[in-house]
């Protein structure tokens, strides 16, 4: 019963996103990961100088900076990120994150309404593969 409502996030293996957007993603709660149909809660762990692609979602995303420092770009505007900063990316708003420090950046993310984990994983890995392929063609 304990594992149904309370998760030990450090035990979640997650998956690695390859270059050019290296990071580890751990989906903790989602409709297909526990008794939560309303939202998806994940951690994104970016290595030093790691980044996400500039992207948008068909639903809102709340992001909380747990550790690390960097910057985010939201619709062309840049913002400084540091621990305890929270930001909201509304539906269809372009955004991206860069870890500008020499330490790991850990982000907690919440999507409302929820994504299933395979939906998120597929789009994240597809972007890395697409942009890596376009880099090698240059």
Protein backbone atom coordinates (compact mmCIF):
# COMPACT_ATOMS: atom_id res chain seq x y z
CA UNK A 1 0.00 0.00 0.00
CA UNK A 2 2.88 2.38 0.82
CA UNK A 3 4.20 2.38 -2.76
CA UNK A 4 0.79 3.27 -4.17
CA UNK A 5 0.63 6.76 -2.63
CA UNK A 6 4.21 7.50 -1.57
CA UNK A 7 7.16 7.06 -3.92
CA UNK A 8 10.87 7.04 -3.16
CA UNK A 9 12.04 9.07 -6.13
CA UNK A 10 15.66 8.00 -5.71
CA UNK A 11 14.59 4.42 -6.48
CA UNK A 12 13.11 5.37 -9.85
CA UNK A 13 15.70 4.56 -12.52
CA UNK A 14 14.29 6.87 -15.16
CA UNK A 15 15.81 7.08 -18.61
CA UNK A 16 18.67 8.97 -20.22
CA UNK A 17 18.11 11.48 -22.97
CA UNK A 18 21.03 11.51 -25.43
CA UNK A 19 23.04 14.37 -26.92
CA UNK A 20 22.32 17.17 -27.76
CA UNK A 21 19.94 17.37 -24.77
CA UNK A 22 21.56 15.09 -22.18
CA UNK A 23 19.57 14.61 -19.02
CA UNK A 24 17.85 11.97 -16.94
CA UNK A 25 14.07 11.96 -16.68
CA UNK A 26 12.25 10.25 -13.83
CA UNK A 27 8.46 10.05 -14.13
CA UNK A 28 7.19 9.56 -10.59
CA UNK A 29 3.42 9.94 -10.86
CA UNK A 30 1.31 9.70 -14.01
CA UNK A 31 -1.88 7.89 -15.02
CA UNK A 32 0.21 4.82 -15.93
CA UNK A 33 2.61 5.11 -12.92
CA UNK A 34 0.33 5.28 -9.92
CA UNK A 35 -3.06 6.33 -8.67
CA UNK A 36 -2.87 9.80 -10.24
CA UNK A 37 -5.04 10.56 -13.25
CA UNK A 38 -5.04 14.36 -12.95
CA UNK A 39 -1.34 15.21 -13.43
CA UNK A 40 2.13 13.99 -14.31
CA UNK A 41 4.96 14.65 -11.83
CA UNK A 42 8.55 14.13 -12.97
CA UNK A 43 12.13 15.07 -12.24
CA UNK A 44 14.52 16.25 -14.93
CA UNK A 45 18.18 16.07 -13.97
CA UNK A 46 20.44 18.12 -16.23
CA UNK A 47 24.22 17.67 -16.09
CA UNK A 48 26.50 20.72 -16.02
CA UNK A 49 25.97 22.69 -19.26
CA UNK A 50 23.04 20.39 -20.18
CA UNK A 51 19.89 21.73 -21.81
CA UNK A 52 16.44 20.91 -23.08
CA UNK A 53 15.28 21.65 -26.60
CA UNK A 54 13.20 24.78 -27.24
CA UNK A 55 9.71 23.34 -27.32
CA UNK A 56 6.05 23.64 -26.36
CA UNK A 57 3.35 21.33 -25.03
CA UNK A 58 -0.36 20.99 -25.66
CA UNK A 59 -0.94 21.46 -21.92
CA UNK A 60 0.51 23.60 -19.13
CA UNK A 61 3.76 22.74 -17.32
CA UNK A 62 4.82 23.94 -13.87
CA UNK A 63 8.58 23.75 -13.22
CA UNK A 64 10.32 24.08 -9.85
CA UNK A 65 14.12 24.38 -9.57
CA UNK A 66 15.23 22.00 -6.81
CA UNK A 67 19.00 22.40 -7.29
CA UNK A 68 21.37 24.06 -9.73
CA UNK A 69 21.55 27.30 -11.64
CA UNK A 70 20.85 28.28 -15.18
CA UNK A 71 18.39 30.08 -17.34
CA UNK A 72 15.13 29.47 -19.09
CA UNK A 73 13.76 31.07 -22.19
CA UNK A 74 10.01 31.51 -22.38
CA UNK A 75 8.61 32.97 -25.62
CA UNK A 76 11.94 34.68 -26.34
CA UNK A 77 12.44 36.17 -22.86
CA UNK A 78 15.28 34.87 -20.66
CA UNK A 79 15.00 34.34 -16.91
CA UNK A 80 17.61 33.40 -14.30
CA UNK A 81 17.04 30.05 -12.59
CA UNK A 82 18.25 29.15 -9.12
CA UNK A 83 16.96 26.92 -6.31
CA UNK A 84 13.38 27.69 -5.22
CA UNK A 85 12.43 29.44 -8.45
CA UNK A 86 9.09 28.27 -9.88
CA UNK A 87 7.74 29.05 -13.32
CA UNK A 88 4.66 28.24 -15.35
CA UNK A 89 4.65 27.49 -19.08
CA UNK A 90 1.10 27.79 -20.40
CA UNK A 91 -0.26 25.62 -23.19
CA UNK A 92 1.53 26.13 -26.55
CA UNK A 93 4.16 28.51 -25.10
CA UNK A 94 7.72 27.91 -26.36
CA UNK A 95 10.31 27.32 -23.63
CA UNK A 96 13.71 25.77 -22.99
CA UNK A 97 16.16 25.42 -20.11
CA UNK A 98 19.96 25.56 -19.95
CA UNK A 99 22.08 24.53 -16.97
CA UNK A 100 24.77 27.22 -17.08
CA UNK A 101 26.61 25.98 -13.99
CA UNK A 102 29.17 23.31 -13.18
CA UNK A 103 26.73 21.51 -10.90
CA UNK A 104 23.78 19.26 -11.62
CA UNK A 105 20.42 20.96 -12.04
CA UNK A 106 17.35 19.12 -10.74
CA UNK A 107 13.91 20.26 -11.84
CA UNK A 108 10.53 19.06 -10.59
CA UNK A 109 7.86 19.26 -13.30
CA UNK A 110 4.09 18.96 -13.22
CA UNK A 111 1.85 18.66 -16.27
CA UNK A 112 -1.87 19.40 -16.03
CA UNK A 113 -3.74 17.59 -17.44
CA UNK A 114 -1.60 14.50 -17.22
CA UNK A 115 0.54 12.87 -19.89
CA UNK A 116 1.10 9.14 -19.91
CA UNK A 117 4.82 8.43 -19.44
CA UNK A 118 5.29 6.96 -22.92
CA UNK A 119 3.82 10.10 -24.51
CA UNK A 120 6.41 12.29 -22.80
CA UNK A 121 9.30 9.88 -23.27
CA UNK A 122 8.57 9.50 -26.97
CA UNK A 123 8.49 13.23 -27.69
CA UNK A 124 11.63 13.93 -25.62
CA UNK A 125 13.71 11.17 -27.24
CA UNK A 126 12.40 12.06 -30.70
CA UNK A 127 13.59 15.68 -30.32
CA UNK A 128 17.08 14.56 -29.25
CA UNK A 129 17.34 12.12 -32.16
CA UNK A 130 16.04 14.68 -34.68
CA UNK A 131 18.36 17.46 -33.52
CA UNK A 132 21.37 15.16 -33.23
CA UNK A 133 20.78 14.00 -36.82
CA UNK A 134 20.50 17.58 -38.07
CA UNK A 135 23.79 18.44 -36.28
CA UNK A 136 25.66 15.64 -38.06
CA UNK A 137 24.36 16.80 -41.46
CA UNK A 138 25.91 20.26 -41.01
